[in-house]
Amino acid sequence: MRVGILYSRVRAEEKLLFEAFDKRGVDLDLIDDNTLIFDITAEAHTRRFQGFDVVVERCISHGRALYSLRILNDQGIKTVNTALVADNCGNKLQTTSALTSRRRRL
């Protein structure tokens, strides 16, 4: 299994993730979101992500996370979490509405 971690800064939580993936023998690639540029007008703008089984989003900036997840999800790349989930969780009204709705939207 090959996993990409999209991150802004390596904090304690990221270190724990790295260790857990390493213990399981997962091939892990770190992707610094400060160096990431998406050219959404080009066909191959997500080519560097095509080899991953999943990309784990750990961006500090909620906006950067949403944009990255949207682009990756639109190209069929599996992410944890999806752009929809990140958007709902980053908006208090949407989160409350989803949690109290009879129809779960998350």
PDB file of N, CA and C in Angstrom:
ATOM      1  N   MET A   1       0.846  -1.183   0.000  1.00  0.00           N
ATOM      2  CA  MET A   1       0.000   0.000   0.000  1.00  0.00           C
ATOM      3  C   MET A   1       0.881   1.231   0.000  1.00  0.00           C
ATOM      4  N   ARG A   2       0.477   2.220  -0.785  1.00  0.00           N
ATOM      5  CA  ARG A   2       1.216   3.484  -0.857  1.00  0.00           C
ATOM      6  C   ARG A   2       0.297   4.621  -0.425  1.00  0.00           C
ATOM      7  N   VAL A   3       0.740   5.374   0.583  1.00  0.00           N
ATOM      8  CA  VAL A   3      -0.046   6.462   1.165  1.00  0.00           C
ATOM      9  C   VAL A   3       0.730   7.764   1.035  1.00  0.00           C
ATOM     10  N   GLY A   4       0.019   8.817   0.644  1.00  0.00           N
ATOM     11  CA  GLY A   4       0.584  10.156   0.643  1.00  0.00           C
ATOM     12  C   GLY A   4       0.012  10.934   1.810  1.00  0.00           C
ATOM     13  N   ILE A   5       0.836  11.691   2.491  1.00  0.00           N
ATOM     14  CA  ILE A   5       0.346  12.564   3.554  1.00  0.00           C
ATOM     15  C   ILE A   5       0.611  13.998   3.137  1.00  0.00           C
ATOM     16  N   LEU A   6      -0.475  14.729   2.933  1.00  0.00           N
ATOM     17  CA  LEU A   6      -0.412  16.142   2.591  1.00  0.00           C
ATOM     18  C   LEU A   6      -0.393  16.915   3.907  1.00  0.00           C
ATOM     19  N   TYR A   7       0.707  17.597   4.177  1.00  0.00           N
ATOM     20  CA  TYR A   7       0.880  18.232   5.482  1.00  0.00           C
ATOM     21  C   TYR A   7       1.428  19.649   5.335  1.00  0.00           C
ATOM     22  N   SER A   8       1.260  20.428   6.418  1.00  0.00           N
ATOM     23  CA  SER A   8       1.815  21.779   6.480  1.00  0.00           C
ATOM     24  C   SER A   8       3.034  21.828   7.387  1.00  0.00           C
ATOM     25  N   ARG A   9       2.925  21.132   8.506  1.00  0.00           N
ATOM     26  CA  ARG A   9       3.986  21.112   9.504  1.00  0.00           C
ATOM     27  C   ARG A   9       3.932  19.752  10.201  1.00  0.00           C
ATOM     28  N   VAL A  10       5.072  19.205  10.508  1.00  0.00           N
ATOM     29  CA  VAL A  10       5.097  17.924  11.208  1.00  0.00           C
ATOM     30  C   VAL A  10       4.959  18.201  12.704  1.00  0.00           C
ATOM     31  N   ARG A  11       3.767  17.872  13.203  1.00  0.00           N
ATOM     32  CA  ARG A  11       3.461  18.050  14.623  1.00  0.00           C
ATOM     33  C   ARG A  11       3.436  16.670  15.284  1.00  0.00           C
ATOM     34  N   ALA A  12       3.095  16.633  16.557  1.00  0.00           N
ATOM     35  CA  ALA A  12       3.066  15.357  17.296  1.00  0.00           C
ATOM     36  C   ALA A  12       2.115  14.360  16.643  1.00  0.00           C
ATOM     37  N   GLU A  13       0.960  14.832  16.184  1.00  0.00           N
ATOM     38  CA  GLU A  13      -0.026  13.941  15.570  1.00  0.00           C
ATOM     39  C   GLU A  13       0.502  13.314  14.280  1.00  0.00           C
ATOM     40  N   GLU A  14       1.188  14.109  13.476  1.00  0.00           N
ATOM     41  CA  GLU A  14       1.760  13.578  12.235  1.00  0.00           C
ATOM     42  C   GLU A  14       2.831  12.543  12.547  1.00  0.00           C
ATOM     43  N   LYS A  15       3.655  12.808  13.553  1.00  0.00           N
ATOM     44  CA  LYS A  15       4.690  11.849  13.936  1.00  0.00           C
ATOM     45  C   LYS A  15       4.074  10.515  14.350  1.00  0.00           C
ATOM     46  N   LEU A  16       2.965  10.577  15.068  1.00  0.00           N
ATOM     47  CA  LEU A  16       2.271   9.346  15.459  1.00  0.00           C
ATOM     48  C   LEU A  16       1.735   8.601  14.239  1.00  0.00           C
ATOM     49  N   LEU A  17       1.207   9.336  13.278  1.00  0.00           N
ATOM     50  CA  LEU A  17       0.741   8.708  12.035  1.00  0.00           C
ATOM     51  C   LEU A  17       1.897   8.051  11.295  1.00  0.00           C
ATOM     52  N   PHE A  18       3.016   8.762  11.181  1.00  0.00           N
ATOM     53  CA  PHE A  18       4.190   8.214  10.494  1.00  0.00           C
ATOM     54  C   PHE A  18       4.623   6.896  11.150  1.00  0.00           C
ATOM     55  N   GLU A  19       4.678   6.890  12.478  1.00  0.00           N
ATOM     56  CA  GLU A  19       5.093   5.692  13.211  1.00  0.00           C
ATOM     57  C   GLU A  19       4.118   4.535  12.980  1.00  0.00           C
ATOM     58  N   ALA A  20       2.817   4.838  13.013  1.00  0.00           N
ATOM     59  CA  ALA A  20       1.805   3.797  12.823  1.00  0.00           C
ATOM     60  C   ALA A  20       1.889   3.204  11.417  1.00  0.00           C
ATOM     61  N   PHE A  21       2.060   4.053  10.410  1.00  0.00           N
ATOM     62  CA  PHE A  21       2.200   3.560   9.039  1.00  0.00           C
ATOM     63  C   PHE A  21       3.477   2.733   8.899  1.00  0.00           C
ATOM     64  N   ASP A  22       4.553   3.207   9.510  1.00  0.00           N
ATOM     65  CA  ASP A  22       5.834   2.498   9.435  1.00  0.00           C
ATOM     66  C   ASP A  22       5.734   1.103  10.060  1.00  0.00           C
ATOM     67  N   LYS A  23       5.069   1.009  11.212  1.00  0.00           N
ATOM     68  CA  LYS A  23       4.896  -0.284  11.888  1.00  0.00           C
ATOM     69  C   LYS A  23       4.131  -1.273  11.017  1.00  0.00           C
ATOM     70  N   ARG A  24       3.273  -0.757  10.166  1.00  0.00           N
ATOM     71  CA  ARG A  24       2.461  -1.616   9.297  1.00  0.00           C
ATOM     72  C   ARG A  24       3.100  -1.839   7.927  1.00  0.00           C
ATOM     73  N   GLY A  25       4.294  -1.297   7.744  1.00  0.00           N
ATOM     74  CA  GLY A  25       5.014  -1.494   6.493  1.00  0.00           C
ATOM     75  C   GLY A  25       4.431  -0.747   5.308  1.00  0.00           C
ATOM     76  N   VAL A  26       3.749   0.349   5.581  1.00  0.00           N
ATOM     77  CA  VAL A  26       3.124   1.144   4.522  1.00  0.00           C
ATOM     78  C   VAL A  26       4.165   2.052   3.882  1.00  0.00           C
ATOM     79  N   ASP A  27       4.179   2.083   2.548  1.00  0.00           N
ATOM     80  CA  ASP A  27       5.049   2.983   1.792  1.00  0.00           C
ATOM     81  C   ASP A  27       4.448   4.382   1.905  1.00  0.00           C
ATOM     82  N   LEU A  28       5.146   5.287   2.577  1.00  0.00           N
ATOM     83  CA  LEU A  28       4.622   6.605   2.911  1.00  0.00           C
ATOM     84  C   LEU A  28       5.409   7.697   2.212  1.00  0.00           C
ATOM     85  N   ASP A  29       4.699   8.610   1.544  1.00  0.00           N
ATOM     86  CA  ASP A  29       5.322   9.778   0.916  1.00  0.00           C
ATOM     87  C   ASP A  29       4.775  11.040   1.569  1.00  0.00           C
ATOM     88  N   LEU A  30       5.662  11.939   1.954  1.00  0.00           N
ATOM     89  CA  LEU A  30       5.255  13.205   2.560  1.00  0.00           C
ATOM     90  C   LEU A  30       5.173  14.271   1.481  1.00  0.00           C
ATOM     91  N   ILE A  31       4.058  15.012   1.471  1.00  0.00           N
ATOM     92  CA  ILE A  31       3.830  16.053   0.477  1.00  0.00           C
ATOM     93  C   ILE A  31       3.601  17.369   1.219  1.00  0.00           C
ATOM     94  N   ASP A  32       4.573  18.242   1.178  1.00  0.00           N
ATOM     95  CA  ASP A  32       4.505  19.535   1.856  1.00  0.00           C
ATOM     96  C   ASP A  32       3.538  20.435   1.095  1.00  0.00           C
ATOM     97  N   ASP A  33       2.445  20.850   1.743  1.00  0.00           N
ATOM     98  CA  ASP A  33       1.450  21.659   1.044  1.00  0.00           C
ATOM     99  C   ASP A  33       1.961  23.061   0.698  1.00  0.00           C
ATOM    100  N   ASN A  34       3.060  23.486   1.316  1.00  0.00           N
ATOM    101  CA  ASN A  34       3.639  24.791   0.979  1.00  0.00           C
ATOM    102  C   ASN A  34       4.343  24.772  -0.373  1.00  0.00           C
ATOM    103  N   THR A  35       4.672  23.592  -0.873  1.00  0.00           N
ATOM    104  CA  THR A  35       5.351  23.479  -2.164  1.00  0.00           C
ATOM    105  C   THR A  35       4.409  22.995  -3.268  1.00  0.00           C
ATOM    106  N   LEU A  36       3.170  22.703  -2.908  1.00  0.00           N
ATOM    107  CA  LEU A  36       2.222  22.124  -3.842  1.00  0.00           C
ATOM    108  C   LEU A  36       1.545  23.202  -4.686  1.00  0.00           C
ATOM    109  N   ILE A  37       1.590  23.013  -5.996  1.00  0.00           N
ATOM    110  CA  ILE A  37       0.908  23.920  -6.924  1.00  0.00           C
ATOM    111  C   ILE A  37       0.052  23.071  -7.851  1.00  0.00           C
ATOM    112  N   PHE A  38      -1.245  23.354  -7.864  1.00  0.00           N
ATOM    113  CA  PHE A  38      -2.147  22.667  -8.779  1.00  0.00           C
ATOM    114  C   PHE A  38      -2.403  23.572  -9.970  1.00  0.00           C
ATOM    115  N   ASP A  39      -2.190  23.053 -11.156  1.00  0.00           N
ATOM    116  CA  ASP A  39      -2.567  23.765 -12.377  1.00  0.00           C
ATOM    117  C   ASP A  39      -3.814  23.066 -12.887  1.00  0.00           C
ATOM    118  N   ILE A  40      -4.989  23.572 -12.497  1.00  0.00           N
ATOM    119  CA  ILE A  40      -6.230  22.869 -12.824  1.00  0.00           C
ATOM    120  C   ILE A  40      -6.625  23.009 -14.285  1.00  0.00           C
ATOM    121  N   THR A  41      -5.864  23.788 -15.047  1.00  0.00           N
ATOM    122  CA  THR A  41      -6.150  23.890 -16.482  1.00  0.00           C
ATOM    123  C   THR A  41      -5.418  22.817 -17.272  1.00  0.00           C
ATOM    124  N   ALA A  42      -4.441  22.178 -16.637  1.00  0.00           N
ATOM    125  CA  ALA A  42      -3.663  21.145 -17.327  1.00  0.00           C
ATOM    126  C   ALA A  42      -4.262  19.773 -17.049  1.00  0.00           C
ATOM    127  N   GLU A  43      -4.193  18.880 -18.028  1.00  0.00           N
ATOM    128  CA  GLU A  43      -4.740  17.538 -17.872  1.00  0.00           C
ATOM    129  C   GLU A  43      -4.029  16.738 -16.798  1.00  0.00           C
ATOM    130  N   ALA A  44      -2.755  16.902 -16.671  1.00  0.00           N
ATOM    131  CA  ALA A  44      -1.966  16.059 -15.776  1.00  0.00           C
ATOM    132  C   ALA A  44      -1.666  16.725 -14.438  1.00  0.00           C
ATOM    133  N   HIS A  45      -2.528  17.628 -13.980  1.00  0.00           N
ATOM    134  CA  HIS A  45      -2.194  18.372 -12.766  1.00  0.00           C
ATOM    135  C   HIS A  45      -2.186  17.522 -11.503  1.00  0.00           C
ATOM    136  N   THR A  46      -2.768  16.343 -11.512  1.00  0.00           N
ATOM    137  CA  THR A  46      -2.717  15.475 -10.336  1.00  0.00           C
ATOM    138  C   THR A  46      -1.914  14.212 -10.596  1.00  0.00           C
ATOM    139  N   ARG A  47      -1.118  14.195 -11.644  1.00  0.00           N
ATOM    140  CA  ARG A  47      -0.339  12.994 -11.997  1.00  0.00           C
ATOM    141  C   ARG A  47       0.507  12.511 -10.826  1.00  0.00           C
ATOM    142  N   ARG A  48       1.075  13.422 -10.059  1.00  0.00           N
ATOM    143  CA  ARG A  48       1.950  13.002  -8.964  1.00  0.00           C
ATOM    144  C   ARG A  48       1.188  12.253  -7.881  1.00  0.00           C
ATOM    145  N   PHE A  49      -0.145  12.329  -7.883  1.00  0.00           N
ATOM    146  CA  PHE A  49      -0.959  11.648  -6.881  1.00  0.00           C
ATOM    147  C   PHE A  49      -1.526  10.321  -7.370  1.00  0.00           C
ATOM    148  N   GLN A  50      -1.356  10.006  -8.652  1.00  0.00           N
ATOM    149  CA  GLN A  50      -1.979   8.820  -9.233  1.00  0.00           C
ATOM    150  C   GLN A  50      -1.482   7.507  -8.635  1.00  0.00           C
ATOM    151  N   GLY A  51      -0.277   7.453  -8.126  1.00  0.00           N
ATOM    152  CA  GLY A  51       0.267   6.203  -7.598  1.00  0.00           C
ATOM    153  C   GLY A  51      -0.143   5.880  -6.171  1.00  0.00           C
ATOM    154  N   PHE A  52      -0.880   6.774  -5.532  1.00  0.00           N
ATOM    155  CA  PHE A  52      -1.265   6.555  -4.137  1.00  0.00           C
ATOM    156  C   PHE A  52      -2.564   5.765  -4.037  1.00  0.00           C
ATOM    157  N   ASP A  53      -2.616   4.886  -3.040  1.00  0.00           N
ATOM    158  CA  ASP A  53      -3.876   4.215  -2.731  1.00  0.00           C
ATOM    159  C   ASP A  53      -4.819   5.182  -2.018  1.00  0.00           C
ATOM    160  N   VAL A  54      -4.239   6.102  -1.249  1.00  0.00           N
ATOM    161  CA  VAL A  54      -5.017   7.116  -0.541  1.00  0.00           C
ATOM    162  C   VAL A  54      -4.080   8.267  -0.170  1.00  0.00           C
ATOM    163  N   VAL A  55      -4.646   9.466  -0.089  1.00  0.00           N
ATOM    164  CA  VAL A  55      -3.912  10.645   0.381  1.00  0.00           C
ATOM    165  C   VAL A  55      -4.582  11.108   1.670  1.00  0.00           C
ATOM    166  N   VAL A  56      -3.784  11.234   2.731  1.00  0.00           N
ATOM    167  CA  VAL A  56      -4.274  11.693   4.024  1.00  0.00           C
ATOM    168  C   VAL A  56      -3.993  13.184   4.122  1.00  0.00           C
ATOM    169  N   GLU A  57      -5.038  13.966   4.344  1.00  0.00           N
ATOM    170  CA  GLU A  57      -4.903  15.428   4.411  1.00  0.00           C
ATOM    171  C   GLU A  57      -4.650  15.853   5.847  1.00  0.00           C
ATOM    172  N   ARG A  58      -3.545  16.569   6.083  1.00  0.00           N
ATOM    173  CA  ARG A  58      -3.187  17.077   7.408  1.00  0.00           C
ATOM    174  C   ARG A  58      -2.773  18.543   7.339  1.00  0.00           C
ATOM    175  N   CYS A  59      -3.398  19.314   6.453  1.00  0.00           N
ATOM    176  CA  CYS A  59      -3.067  20.733   6.288  1.00  0.00           C
ATOM    177  C   CYS A  59      -3.529  21.540   7.497  1.00  0.00           C
ATOM    178  N   ILE A  60      -2.766  22.552   7.852  1.00  0.00           N
ATOM    179  CA  ILE A  60      -3.166  23.457   8.923  1.00  0.00           C
ATOM    180  C   ILE A  60      -4.233  24.418   8.409  1.00  0.00           C
ATOM    181  N   SER A  61      -4.081  24.906   7.202  1.00  0.00           N
ATOM    182  CA  SER A  61      -5.035  25.839   6.606  1.00  0.00           C
ATOM    183  C   SER A  61      -6.266  25.088   6.109  1.00  0.00           C
ATOM    184  N   HIS A  62      -7.422  25.439   6.658  1.00  0.00           N
ATOM    185  CA  HIS A  62      -8.667  24.794   6.235  1.00  0.00           C
ATOM    186  C   HIS A  62      -8.950  25.070   4.761  1.00  0.00           C
ATOM    187  N   GLY A  63      -8.690  26.285   4.328  1.00  0.00           N
ATOM    188  CA  GLY A  63      -8.908  26.643   2.918  1.00  0.00           C
ATOM    189  C   GLY A  63      -8.023  25.832   1.993  1.00  0.00           C
ATOM    190  N   ARG A  64      -6.762  25.719   2.323  1.00  0.00           N
ATOM    191  CA  ARG A  64      -5.828  24.940   1.496  1.00  0.00           C
ATOM    192  C   ARG A  64      -6.248  23.473   1.477  1.00  0.00           C
ATOM    193  N   ALA A  65      -6.701  22.974   2.617  1.00  0.00           N
ATOM    194  CA  ALA A  65      -7.166  21.584   2.696  1.00  0.00           C
ATOM    195  C   ALA A  65      -8.366  21.381   1.784  1.00  0.00           C
ATOM    196  N   LEU A  66      -9.356  22.280   1.863  1.00  0.00           N
ATOM    197  CA  LEU A  66     -10.561  22.147   1.036  1.00  0.00           C
ATOM    198  C   LEU A  66     -10.242  22.184  -0.445  1.00  0.00           C
ATOM    199  N   TYR A  67      -9.401  23.118  -0.850  1.00  0.00           N
ATOM    200  CA  TYR A  67      -9.062  23.228  -2.272  1.00  0.00           C
ATOM    201  C   TYR A  67      -8.323  21.981  -2.750  1.00  0.00           C
ATOM    202  N   SER A  68      -7.364  21.525  -1.962  1.00  0.00           N
ATOM    203  CA  SER A  68      -6.602  20.340  -2.348  1.00  0.00           C
ATOM    204  C   SER A  68      -7.500  19.117  -2.438  1.00  0.00           C
ATOM    205  N   LEU A  69      -8.350  18.932  -1.424  1.00  0.00           N
ATOM    206  CA  LEU A  69      -9.251  17.782  -1.421  1.00  0.00           C
ATOM    207  C   LEU A  69     -10.227  17.827  -2.588  1.00  0.00           C
ATOM    208  N   ARG A  70     -10.755  19.001  -2.883  1.00  0.00           N
ATOM    209  CA  ARG A  70     -11.700  19.125  -4.002  1.00  0.00           C
ATOM    210  C   ARG A  70     -11.032  18.718  -5.308  1.00  0.00           C
ATOM    211  N   ILE A  71      -9.836  19.224  -5.544  1.00  0.00           N
ATOM    212  CA  ILE A  71      -9.125  18.901  -6.788  1.00  0.00           C
ATOM    213  C   ILE A  71      -8.810  17.407  -6.848  1.00  0.00           C
ATOM    214  N   LEU A  72      -8.315  16.848  -5.755  1.00  0.00           N
ATOM    215  CA  LEU A  72      -7.977  15.428  -5.739  1.00  0.00           C
ATOM    216  C   LEU A  72      -9.217  14.558  -5.906  1.00  0.00           C
ATOM    217  N   ASN A  73     -10.278  14.875  -5.165  1.00  0.00           N
ATOM    218  CA  ASN A  73     -11.508  14.091  -5.276  1.00  0.00           C
ATOM    219  C   ASN A  73     -12.112  14.179  -6.671  1.00  0.00           C
ATOM    220  N   ASP A  74     -12.078  15.360  -7.262  1.00  0.00           N
ATOM    221  CA  ASP A  74     -12.621  15.524  -8.624  1.00  0.00           C
ATOM    222  C   ASP A  74     -11.853  14.685  -9.641  1.00  0.00           C
ATOM    223  N   GLN A  75     -10.602  14.360  -9.333  1.00  0.00           N
ATOM    224  CA  GLN A  75      -9.787  13.539 -10.227  1.00  0.00           C
ATOM    225  C   GLN A  75      -9.840  12.052  -9.855  1.00  0.00           C
ATOM    226  N   GLY A  76     -10.710  11.715  -8.892  1.00  0.00           N
ATOM    227  CA  GLY A  76     -10.888  10.317  -8.519  1.00  0.00           C
ATOM    228  C   GLY A  76      -9.855   9.769  -7.558  1.00  0.00           C
ATOM    229  N   ILE A  77      -9.108  10.642  -6.921  1.00  0.00           N
ATOM    230  CA  ILE A  77      -8.086  10.203  -5.973  1.00  0.00           C
ATOM    231  C   ILE A  77      -8.717  10.088  -4.585  1.00  0.00           C
ATOM    232  N   LYS A  78      -8.549   8.937  -3.953  1.00  0.00           N
ATOM    233  CA  LYS A  78      -9.129   8.694  -2.632  1.00  0.00           C
ATOM    234  C   LYS A  78      -8.384   9.511  -1.587  1.00  0.00           C
ATOM    235  N   THR A  79      -9.148  10.138  -0.703  1.00  0.00           N
ATOM    236  CA  THR A  79      -8.559  10.965   0.344  1.00  0.00           C
ATOM    237  C   THR A  79      -9.228  10.681   1.682  1.00  0.00           C
ATOM    238  N   VAL A  80      -8.501  10.983   2.736  1.00  0.00           N
ATOM    239  CA  VAL A  80      -9.033  10.969   4.096  1.00  0.00           C
ATOM    240  C   VAL A  80      -8.832  12.378   4.617  1.00  0.00           C
ATOM    241  N   ASN A  81      -9.908  13.055   4.775  1.00  0.00           N
ATOM    242  CA  ASN A  81     -11.303  12.824   4.468  1.00  0.00           C
ATOM    243  C   ASN A  81     -11.628  13.385   3.090  1.00  0.00           C
ATOM    244  N   THR A  82     -12.894  13.287   2.681  1.00  0.00           N
ATOM    245  CA  THR A  82     -13.274  13.876   1.402  1.00  0.00           C
ATOM    246  C   THR A  82     -13.450  15.381   1.570  1.00  0.00           C
ATOM    247  N   ALA A  83     -13.526  16.077   0.456  1.00  0.00           N
ATOM    248  CA  ALA A  83     -13.748  17.525   0.488  1.00  0.00           C
ATOM    249  C   ALA A  83     -15.082  17.849   1.160  1.00  0.00           C
ATOM    250  N   LEU A  84     -16.116  17.046   0.901  1.00  0.00           N
ATOM    251  CA  LEU A  84     -17.434  17.279   1.500  1.00  0.00           C
ATOM    252  C   LEU A  84     -17.373  17.150   3.017  1.00  0.00           C
ATOM    253  N   VAL A  85     -16.712  16.124   3.515  1.00  0.00           N
ATOM    254  CA  VAL A  85     -16.598  15.933   4.966  1.00  0.00           C
ATOM    255  C   VAL A  85     -15.800  17.079   5.587  1.00  0.00           C
ATOM    256  N   ALA A  86     -14.693  17.444   4.977  1.00  0.00           N
ATOM    257  CA  ALA A  86     -13.872  18.544   5.514  1.00  0.00           C
ATOM    258  C   ALA A  86     -14.647  19.857   5.521  1.00  0.00           C
ATOM    259  N   ASP A  87     -15.423  20.099   4.483  1.00  0.00           N
ATOM    260  CA  ASP A  87     -16.234  21.314   4.415  1.00  0.00           C
ATOM    261  C   ASP A  87     -17.291  21.314   5.515  1.00  0.00           C
ATOM    262  N   ASN A  88     -17.980  20.193   5.692  1.00  0.00           N
ATOM    263  CA  ASN A  88     -18.993  20.108   6.749  1.00  0.00           C
ATOM    264  C   ASN A  88     -18.379  20.278   8.130  1.00  0.00           C
ATOM    265  N   CYS A  89     -17.240  19.644   8.369  1.00  0.00           N
ATOM    266  CA  CYS A  89     -16.605  19.711   9.686  1.00  0.00           C
ATOM    267  C   CYS A  89     -15.993  21.076   9.983  1.00  0.00           C
ATOM    268  N   GLY A  90     -15.665  21.823   8.954  1.00  0.00           N
ATOM    269  CA  GLY A  90     -15.066  23.138   9.138  1.00  0.00           C
ATOM    270  C   GLY A  90     -16.078  24.263   9.241  1.00  0.00           C
ATOM    271  N   ASN A  91     -17.363  23.937   9.185  1.00  0.00           N
ATOM    272  CA  ASN A  91     -18.425  24.936   9.231  1.00  0.00           C
ATOM    273  C   ASN A  91     -19.384  24.537  10.350  1.00  0.00           C
ATOM    274  N   LYS A  92     -19.473  25.363  11.386  1.00  0.00           N
ATOM    275  CA  LYS A  92     -20.267  25.009  12.565  1.00  0.00           C
ATOM    276  C   LYS A  92     -21.735  24.770  12.235  1.00  0.00           C
ATOM    277  N   LEU A  93     -22.304  25.601  11.382  1.00  0.00           N
ATOM    278  CA  LEU A  93     -23.709  25.411  11.018  1.00  0.00           C
ATOM    279  C   LEU A  93     -23.906  24.097  10.271  1.00  0.00           C
ATOM    280  N   GLN A  94     -23.045  23.817   9.301  1.00  0.00           N
ATOM    281  CA  GLN A  94     -23.163  22.573   8.540  1.00  0.00           C
ATOM    282  C   GLN A  94     -22.948  21.355   9.434  1.00  0.00           C
ATOM    283  N   THR A  95     -21.997  21.445  10.372  1.00  0.00           N
ATOM    284  CA  THR A  95     -21.745  20.334  11.282  1.00  0.00           C
ATOM    285  C   THR A  95     -22.956  20.081  12.158  1.00  0.00           C
ATOM    286  N   THR A  96     -23.492  21.134  12.770  1.00  0.00           N
ATOM    287  CA  THR A  96     -24.664  20.998  13.636  1.00  0.00           C
ATOM    288  C   THR A  96     -25.851  20.460  12.855  1.00  0.00           C
ATOM    289  N   SER A  97     -26.058  20.984  11.671  1.00  0.00           N
ATOM    290  CA  SER A  97     -27.166  20.530  10.835  1.00  0.00           C
ATOM    291  C   SER A  97     -27.009  19.050  10.479  1.00  0.00           C
ATOM    292  N   ALA A  98     -25.811  18.647  10.115  1.00  0.00           N
ATOM    293  CA  ALA A  98     -25.575  17.247   9.753  1.00  0.00           C
ATOM    294  C   ALA A  98     -25.768  16.323  10.949  1.00  0.00           C
ATOM    295  N   LEU A  99     -25.327  16.767  12.122  1.00  0.00           N
ATOM    296  CA  LEU A  99     -25.440  15.926  13.312  1.00  0.00           C
ATOM    297  C   LEU A  99     -26.865  15.831  13.836  1.00  0.00           C
ATOM    298  N   THR A 100     -27.683  16.849  13.589  1.00  0.00           N
ATOM    299  CA  THR A 100     -29.048  16.844  14.101  1.00  0.00           C
ATOM    300  C   THR A 100     -30.077  16.426  13.055  1.00  0.00           C
ATOM    301  N   SER A 101     -29.659  16.318  11.830  1.00  0.00           N
ATOM    302  CA  SER A 101     -30.566  15.927  10.754  1.00  0.00           C
ATOM    303  C   SER A 101     -30.955  14.460  10.882  1.00  0.00           C
ATOM    304  N   ARG A 102     -32.171  14.144  10.476  1.00  0.00           N
ATOM    305  CA  ARG A 102     -32.597  12.741  10.447  1.00  0.00           C
ATOM    306  C   ARG A 102     -31.881  11.998   9.340  1.00  0.00           C
ATOM    307  N   ARG A 103     -31.506  12.736   8.292  1.00  0.00           N
ATOM    308  CA  ARG A 103     -30.714  12.170   7.183  1.00  0.00           C
ATOM    309  C   ARG A 103     -29.279  12.562   7.426  1.00  0.00           C
ATOM    310  N   ARG A 104     -28.402  11.647   7.660  1.00  0.00           N
ATOM    311  CA  ARG A 104     -26.991  11.962   7.872  1.00  0.00           C
ATOM    312  C   ARG A 104     -26.342  12.334   6.544  1.00  0.00           C
ATOM    313  N   ARG A 105     -25.696  13.507   6.500  1.00  0.00           N
ATOM    314  CA  ARG A 105     -25.075  13.976   5.267  1.00  0.00           C
ATOM    315  C   ARG A 105     -23.565  13.835   5.278  1.00  0.00           C
ATOM    316  N   LEU A 106     -22.967  13.492   6.396  1.00  0.00           N
ATOM    317  CA  LEU A 106     -21.517  13.316   6.443  1.00  0.00           C
ATOM    318  C   LEU A 106     -21.232  11.970   5.883  1.00  0.00           C
TER     319      LEU A 106
END
